[in-house]
C-alpha atoms as a PDB file:
ATOM      1  CA  MET A   1     -14.453   1.094  10.394  1.00  0.00           C
ATOM      2  CA  LYS A   2     -13.085   4.581  10.999  1.00  0.00           C
ATOM      3  CA  ASP A   3     -14.052   4.399  14.670  1.00  0.00           C
ATOM      4  CA  SER A   4     -12.437   0.982  15.061  1.00  0.00           C
ATOM      5  CA  MET A   5      -9.266   2.199  13.387  1.00  0.00           C
ATOM      6  CA  LYS A   6      -9.198   5.286  15.615  1.00  0.00           C
ATOM      7  CA  MET A   7      -9.191   3.038  18.682  1.00  0.00           C
ATOM      8  CA  LEU A   8      -6.674   0.607  17.180  1.00  0.00           C
ATOM      9  CA  LEU A   9      -4.033   3.005  15.833  1.00  0.00           C
ATOM     10  CA  LYS A  10      -1.941   5.752  17.355  1.00  0.00           C
ATOM     11  CA  GLU A  11      -3.005   9.250  16.292  1.00  0.00           C
ATOM     12  CA  SER A  12      -0.403   9.734  13.534  1.00  0.00           C
ATOM     13  CA  ARG A  13      -1.133   6.313  11.958  1.00  0.00           C
ATOM     14  CA  TYR A  14      -4.872   6.985  12.188  1.00  0.00           C
ATOM     15  CA  LEU A  15      -4.458  10.353  10.413  1.00  0.00           C
ATOM     16  CA  HIS A  16      -2.379   8.607   7.754  1.00  0.00           C
ATOM     17  CA  SER A  17      -5.120   5.979   7.275  1.00  0.00           C
ATOM     18  CA  VAL A  18      -7.831   8.634   7.006  1.00  0.00           C
ATOM     19  CA  GLY A  19      -5.675  10.503   4.475  1.00  0.00           C
ATOM     20  CA  VAL A  20      -5.221   7.316   2.450  1.00  0.00           C
ATOM     21  CA  MET A  21      -8.973   6.667   2.600  1.00  0.00           C
ATOM     22  CA  GLU A  22      -9.739  10.186   1.348  1.00  0.00           C
ATOM     23  CA  VAL A  23      -7.187  10.102  -1.469  1.00  0.00           C
ATOM     24  CA  SER A  24      -8.330   6.593  -2.427  1.00  0.00           C
ATOM     25  CA  TYR A  25     -11.875   7.921  -2.703  1.00  0.00           C
ATOM     26  CA  ASP A  26     -10.727  10.803  -4.917  1.00  0.00           C
ATOM     27  CA  LEU A  27      -8.580   8.605  -7.173  1.00  0.00           C
ATOM     28  CA  ALA A  28     -11.416   6.090  -7.486  1.00  0.00           C
ATOM     29  CA  LEU A  29     -13.868   8.830  -8.458  1.00  0.00           C
ATOM     30  CA  ILE A  30     -11.485  10.257 -11.067  1.00  0.00           C
ATOM     31  CA  ASN A  31     -10.698   6.809 -12.508  1.00  0.00           C
ATOM     32  CA  GLY A  32     -14.255   5.463 -12.555  1.00  0.00           C
ATOM     33  CA  TYR A  33     -13.735   2.935  -9.772  1.00  0.00           C
ATOM     34  CA  ASP A  34     -16.035   2.013  -6.879  1.00  0.00           C
ATOM     35  CA  THR A  35     -15.406   4.735  -4.272  1.00  0.00           C
ATOM     36  CA  GLU A  36     -16.728   2.629  -1.384  1.00  0.00           C
ATOM     37  CA  LYS A  37     -14.349  -0.237  -2.110  1.00  0.00           C
ATOM     38  CA  ALA A  38     -11.438   2.171  -2.474  1.00  0.00           C
ATOM     39  CA  SER A  39     -12.349   3.901   0.801  1.00  0.00           C
ATOM     40  CA  ILE A  40     -12.544   0.585   2.673  1.00  0.00           C
ATOM     41  CA  ALA A  41      -9.128  -0.433   1.356  1.00  0.00           C
ATOM     42  CA  GLY A  42      -7.761   2.981   2.331  1.00  0.00           C
ATOM     43  CA  ILE A  43      -8.978   3.023   5.922  1.00  0.00           C
ATOM     44  CA  LEU A  44      -8.011  -0.616   6.591  1.00  0.00           C
ATOM     45  CA  HIS A  45      -4.686  -0.853   4.726  1.00  0.00           C
ATOM     46  CA  ASP A  46      -2.573  -0.416   7.878  1.00  0.00           C
ATOM     47  CA  CYS A  47      -4.844  -2.231  10.348  1.00  0.00           C
ATOM     48  CA  ALA A  48      -1.969  -4.589  11.256  1.00  0.00           C
ATOM     49  CA  ARG A  49       0.773  -1.947  11.199  1.00  0.00           C
ATOM     50  CA  THR A  50       0.884  -1.604  14.994  1.00  0.00           C
ATOM     51  CA  LEU A  51       1.944  -5.223  15.498  1.00  0.00           C
ATOM     52  CA  ALA A  52       5.515  -5.935  16.528  1.00  0.00           C
ATOM     53  CA  ASP A  53       7.648  -8.147  14.279  1.00  0.00           C
ATOM     54  CA  GLU A  54       7.125 -11.282  16.356  1.00  0.00           C
ATOM     55  CA  GLU A  55       3.357 -10.686  16.507  1.00  0.00           C
ATOM     56  CA  LEU A  56       3.235 -10.347  12.722  1.00  0.00           C
ATOM     57  CA  ARG A  57       5.035 -13.681  12.377  1.00  0.00           C
ATOM     58  CA  LYS A  58       2.638 -15.370  14.819  1.00  0.00           C
ATOM     59  CA  GLU A  59      -0.369 -13.971  12.973  1.00  0.00           C
ATOM     60  CA  CYS A  60       1.020 -15.370   9.708  1.00  0.00           C
ATOM     61  CA  GLU A  61       1.145 -18.788  11.351  1.00  0.00           C
ATOM     62  CA  LYS A  62      -2.376 -18.362  12.752  1.00  0.00           C
ATOM     63  CA  TYR A  63      -3.804 -17.422   9.347  1.00  0.00           C
ATOM     64  CA  HIS A  64      -1.583 -19.868   7.407  1.00  0.00           C
ATOM     65  CA  LEU A  65       0.041 -17.067   5.419  1.00  0.00           C
ATOM     66  CA  PRO A  66       3.259 -17.830   3.530  1.00  0.00           C
ATOM     67  CA  VAL A  67       6.366 -15.948   4.667  1.00  0.00           C
ATOM     68  CA  SER A  68       9.278 -15.465   2.285  1.00  0.00           C
ATOM     69  CA  ALA A  69      12.898 -15.426   3.425  1.00  0.00           C
ATOM     70  CA  LEU A  70      12.997 -11.649   2.970  1.00  0.00           C
ATOM     71  CA  GLU A  71       9.765 -11.195   4.947  1.00  0.00           C
ATOM     72  CA  GLU A  72      11.313 -13.308   7.699  1.00  0.00           C
ATOM     73  CA  ARG A  73      14.162 -10.786   7.888  1.00  0.00           C
ATOM     74  CA  LEU A  74      12.048  -7.663   7.290  1.00  0.00           C
ATOM     75  CA  ARG A  75       8.870  -8.566   9.116  1.00  0.00           C
ATOM     76  CA  PHE A  76       7.219  -5.156   8.744  1.00  0.00           C
ATOM     77  CA  LEU A  77       6.555  -6.269   5.147  1.00  0.00           C
ATOM     78  CA  LEU A  78       4.083  -8.784   6.602  1.00  0.00           C
ATOM     79  CA  HIS A  79       1.645  -6.090   7.717  1.00  0.00           C
ATOM     80  CA  GLY A  80      -0.043  -6.141   4.290  1.00  0.00           C
ATOM     81  CA  LYS A  81      -0.741  -9.876   4.403  1.00  0.00           C
ATOM     82  CA  VAL A  82      -1.808  -9.802   8.031  1.00  0.00           C
ATOM     83  CA  GLY A  83      -3.825  -6.644   7.371  1.00  0.00           C
ATOM     84  CA  ALA A  84      -5.785  -8.418   4.642  1.00  0.00           C
ATOM     85  CA  ALA A  85      -6.417 -11.356   7.001  1.00  0.00           C
ATOM     86  CA  TYR A  86      -7.646  -8.904   9.671  1.00  0.00           C
ATOM     87  CA  ALA A  87      -9.805  -7.048   7.135  1.00  0.00           C
ATOM     88  CA  LYS A  88     -11.524 -10.331   6.370  1.00  0.00           C
ATOM     89  CA  ASP A  89     -11.620 -11.809   9.878  1.00  0.00           C
ATOM     90  CA  LYS A  90     -12.210  -8.739  12.042  1.00  0.00           C
ATOM     91  CA  PHE A  91     -13.969  -6.352   9.643  1.00  0.00           C
ATOM     92  CA  GLY A  92     -15.920  -8.808   7.470  1.00  0.00           C
ATOM     93  CA  VAL A  93     -14.362  -7.770   4.152  1.00  0.00           C
ATOM     94  CA  GLU A  94     -14.897 -10.554   1.607  1.00  0.00           C
ATOM     95  CA  ASP A  95     -14.034  -8.645  -1.561  1.00  0.00           C
ATOM     96  CA  GLU A  96     -10.850 -10.152  -3.031  1.00  0.00           C
ATOM     97  CA  ASP A  97      -9.977  -6.918  -4.838  1.00  0.00           C
ATOM     98  CA  ILE A  98      -9.893  -5.006  -1.547  1.00  0.00           C
ATOM     99  CA  LEU A  99      -7.960  -7.777   0.197  1.00  0.00           C
ATOM    100  CA  ASN A 100      -5.365  -7.978  -2.584  1.00  0.00           C
ATOM    101  CA  ALA A 101      -4.932  -4.207  -2.613  1.00  0.00           C
ATOM    102  CA  ILE A 102      -4.163  -4.360   1.115  1.00  0.00           C
ATOM    103  CA  ILE A 103      -1.712  -7.246   0.617  1.00  0.00           C
ATOM    104  CA  TYR A 104       0.259  -5.439  -2.104  1.00  0.00           C
ATOM    105  CA  HIS A 105       0.069  -1.830  -0.879  1.00  0.00           C
ATOM    106  CA  THR A 106       3.687  -1.957   0.337  1.00  0.00           C
ATOM    107  CA  THR A 107       5.510  -3.998  -2.310  1.00  0.00           C
ATOM    108  CA  GLY A 108       3.321  -3.522  -5.347  1.00  0.00           C
ATOM    109  CA  ARG A 109       3.075  -6.237  -7.994  1.00  0.00           C
ATOM    110  CA  PRO A 110       3.280  -6.309 -11.779  1.00  0.00           C
ATOM    111  CA  ALA A 111       0.024  -5.623 -13.647  1.00  0.00           C
ATOM    112  CA  MET A 112      -1.685  -4.148 -10.603  1.00  0.00           C
ATOM    113  CA  THR A 113      -5.462  -3.813 -10.718  1.00  0.00           C
ATOM    114  CA  LEU A 114      -6.987  -0.357 -10.592  1.00  0.00           C
ATOM    115  CA  ILE A 115      -7.739  -0.622  -6.867  1.00  0.00           C
ATOM    116  CA  ASP A 116      -4.178  -1.876  -6.256  1.00  0.00           C
ATOM    117  CA  LYS A 117      -2.801   1.218  -7.995  1.00  0.00           C
ATOM    118  CA  ILE A 118      -5.230   3.523  -6.221  1.00  0.00           C
ATOM    119  CA  LEU A 119      -4.286   2.254  -2.758  1.00  0.00           C
ATOM    120  CA  PHE A 120      -0.545   2.072  -3.487  1.00  0.00           C
ATOM    121  CA  THR A 121      -0.565   5.644  -4.785  1.00  0.00           C
ATOM    122  CA  ALA A 122      -2.847   7.018  -2.076  1.00  0.00           C
ATOM    123  CA  ASP A 123      -0.604   5.487   0.594  1.00  0.00           C
ATOM    124  CA  TYR A 124       2.321   7.453  -0.827  1.00  0.00           C
ATOM    125  CA  ILE A 125       0.693  10.804  -1.608  1.00  0.00           C
ATOM    126  CA  GLU A 126      -1.827  11.279   1.201  1.00  0.00           C
ATOM    127  CA  PRO A 127      -1.685  14.815   2.658  1.00  0.00           C
ATOM    128  CA  TYR A 128      -0.377  13.863   6.119  1.00  0.00           C
ATOM    129  CA  ARG A 129       2.668  12.105   4.674  1.00  0.00           C
ATOM    130  CA  LYS A 130       6.030  13.649   5.508  1.00  0.00           C
ATOM    131  CA  GLN A 131       7.785  15.528   2.731  1.00  0.00           C
ATOM    132  CA  LEU A 132       9.313  13.146   0.187  1.00  0.00           C
ATOM    133  CA  PRO A 133      11.383  13.776  -2.961  1.00  0.00           C
ATOM    134  CA  ARG A 134       9.175  14.951  -5.856  1.00  0.00           C
ATOM    135  CA  ILE A 135       6.024  14.464  -3.743  1.00  0.00           C
ATOM    136  CA  ASP A 136       4.250  17.562  -5.060  1.00  0.00           C
ATOM    137  CA  GLU A 137       4.950  16.555  -8.660  1.00  0.00           C
ATOM    138  CA  ILE A 138       3.800  12.989  -7.995  1.00  0.00           C
ATOM    139  CA  ARG A 139       0.621  14.272  -6.334  1.00  0.00           C
ATOM    140  CA  ARG A 140      -0.208  16.383  -9.401  1.00  0.00           C
ATOM    141  CA  ILE A 141       0.489  13.525 -11.811  1.00  0.00           C
ATOM    142  CA  ALA A 142      -1.483  10.963  -9.772  1.00  0.00           C
ATOM    143  CA  TYR A 143      -4.713  12.775 -10.572  1.00  0.00           C
ATOM    144  CA  THR A 144      -4.142  12.581 -14.338  1.00  0.00           C
ATOM    145  CA  ASP A 145      -1.876   9.571 -14.986  1.00  0.00           C
ATOM    146  CA  LEU A 146      -1.934   6.812 -12.382  1.00  0.00           C
ATOM    147  CA  ASP A 147       0.590   4.633 -14.215  1.00  0.00           C
ATOM    148  CA  LEU A 148       3.157   7.420 -14.432  1.00  0.00           C
ATOM    149  CA  ALA A 149       2.602   8.219 -10.755  1.00  0.00           C
ATOM    150  CA  MET A 150       3.153   4.526  -9.947  1.00  0.00           C
ATOM    151  CA  PHE A 151       6.440   4.555 -11.848  1.00  0.00           C
ATOM    152  CA  MET A 152       7.634   7.704 -10.092  1.00  0.00           C
ATOM    153  CA  ILE A 153       6.679   6.362  -6.655  1.00  0.00           C
ATOM    154  CA  LEU A 154       8.452   3.070  -7.314  1.00  0.00           C
ATOM    155  CA  GLU A 155      11.508   4.923  -8.570  1.00  0.00           C
ATOM    156  CA  ASN A 156      11.557   6.996  -5.363  1.00  0.00           C
ATOM    157  CA  ILE A 157      11.101   3.923  -3.171  1.00  0.00           C
ATOM    158  CA  LEU A 158      13.913   2.015  -4.876  1.00  0.00           C
ATOM    159  CA  GLU A 159      16.272   5.001  -4.688  1.00  0.00           C
ATOM    160  CA  TYR A 160      15.521   5.387  -0.985  1.00  0.00           C
ATOM    161  CA  LEU A 161      15.958   1.684  -0.191  1.00  0.00           C
ATOM    162  CA  LYS A 162      19.231   1.551  -2.121  1.00  0.00           C
ATOM    163  CA  SER A 163      20.543   4.669  -0.360  1.00  0.00           C
ATOM    164  CA  THR A 164      19.806   3.150   3.055  1.00  0.00           C
ATOM    165  CA  GLY A 165      21.159  -0.292   2.179  1.00  0.00           C
ATOM    166  CA  THR A 166      17.803  -1.914   2.918  1.00  0.00           C
ATOM    167  CA  GLU A 167      17.022  -5.186   1.185  1.00  0.00           C
ATOM    168  CA  ILE A 168      14.458  -4.800  -1.582  1.00  0.00           C
ATOM    169  CA  ASP A 169      11.557  -7.162  -2.134  1.00  0.00           C
ATOM    170  CA  SER A 170      11.733  -8.688  -5.607  1.00  0.00           C
ATOM    171  CA  LEU A 171       8.053  -7.814  -6.162  1.00  0.00           C
ATOM    172  CA  THR A 172       8.901  -4.133  -5.864  1.00  0.00           C
ATOM    173  CA  ILE A 173      11.652  -4.451  -8.459  1.00  0.00           C
ATOM    174  CA  GLU A 174       9.359  -6.444 -10.767  1.00  0.00           C
ATOM    175  CA  THR A 175       6.631  -3.831 -10.333  1.00  0.00           C
ATOM    176  CA  TYR A 176       9.051  -1.020 -11.150  1.00  0.00           C
ATOM    177  CA  GLU A 177      10.258  -2.852 -14.282  1.00  0.00           C
ATOM    178  CA  TYR A 178       6.670  -3.522 -15.326  1.00  0.00           C
ATOM    179  CA  TYR A 179       5.681   0.161 -15.148  1.00  0.00           C
ATOM    180  CA  LYS A 180       8.944   1.243 -16.716  1.00  0.00           C
ATOM    181  CA  ASN A 181       8.203  -1.046 -19.669  1.00  0.00           C
ATOM    182  CA  ILE A 182       4.561  -0.106 -20.130  1.00  0.00           C
ATOM    183  CA  LEU A 183       5.463   3.569 -20.037  1.00  0.00           C
ATOM    184  CA  GLN A 184       8.434   2.945 -22.350  1.00  0.00           C
ATOM    185  CA  ILE A 185      10.686   4.885 -20.001  1.00  0.00           C
ATOM    186  CA  TYR A 186      14.276   3.774 -20.189  1.00  0.00           C
ATOM    187  CA  CYS A 187      16.646   5.100 -17.559  1.00  0.00           C
END
């Protein structure tokens, strides 16, 4: 899979995917999750990220994937759904946990499974990621409290999207509210 991804992705996206795979492995090991499944999700999570907006839309039609009104406007959000379809079709991944983690690695979802949280977090904190607000603190926390790291990541994402005027997927807001409530953090 690594070799296929190296041929498929540009160098910076490949390094990102390898970083996500490695961090996913580490977080899985620490949290008692299957390291192989986490690694597969990590290396494949962006397998559709190179597709242009129109290609993503066509692939959704091909694979009969639903497209929300927001996804129609912000088509890069579709790379998770299409990536899961590719993981199944092109890489033979049948495990629904892996496929769901790939689908939701960008938006999140309330009550995420452990692999969902591992991939979502690893995608944000991997070592090749550009410097982000509070990234070092989030990296430290991720290795001891995955739920708190999720909350902090979601908080950062929402602050960034609001500051840029970008529309926000309702799943991301629901995910943020979910983790805010389970952590009993009231802003």
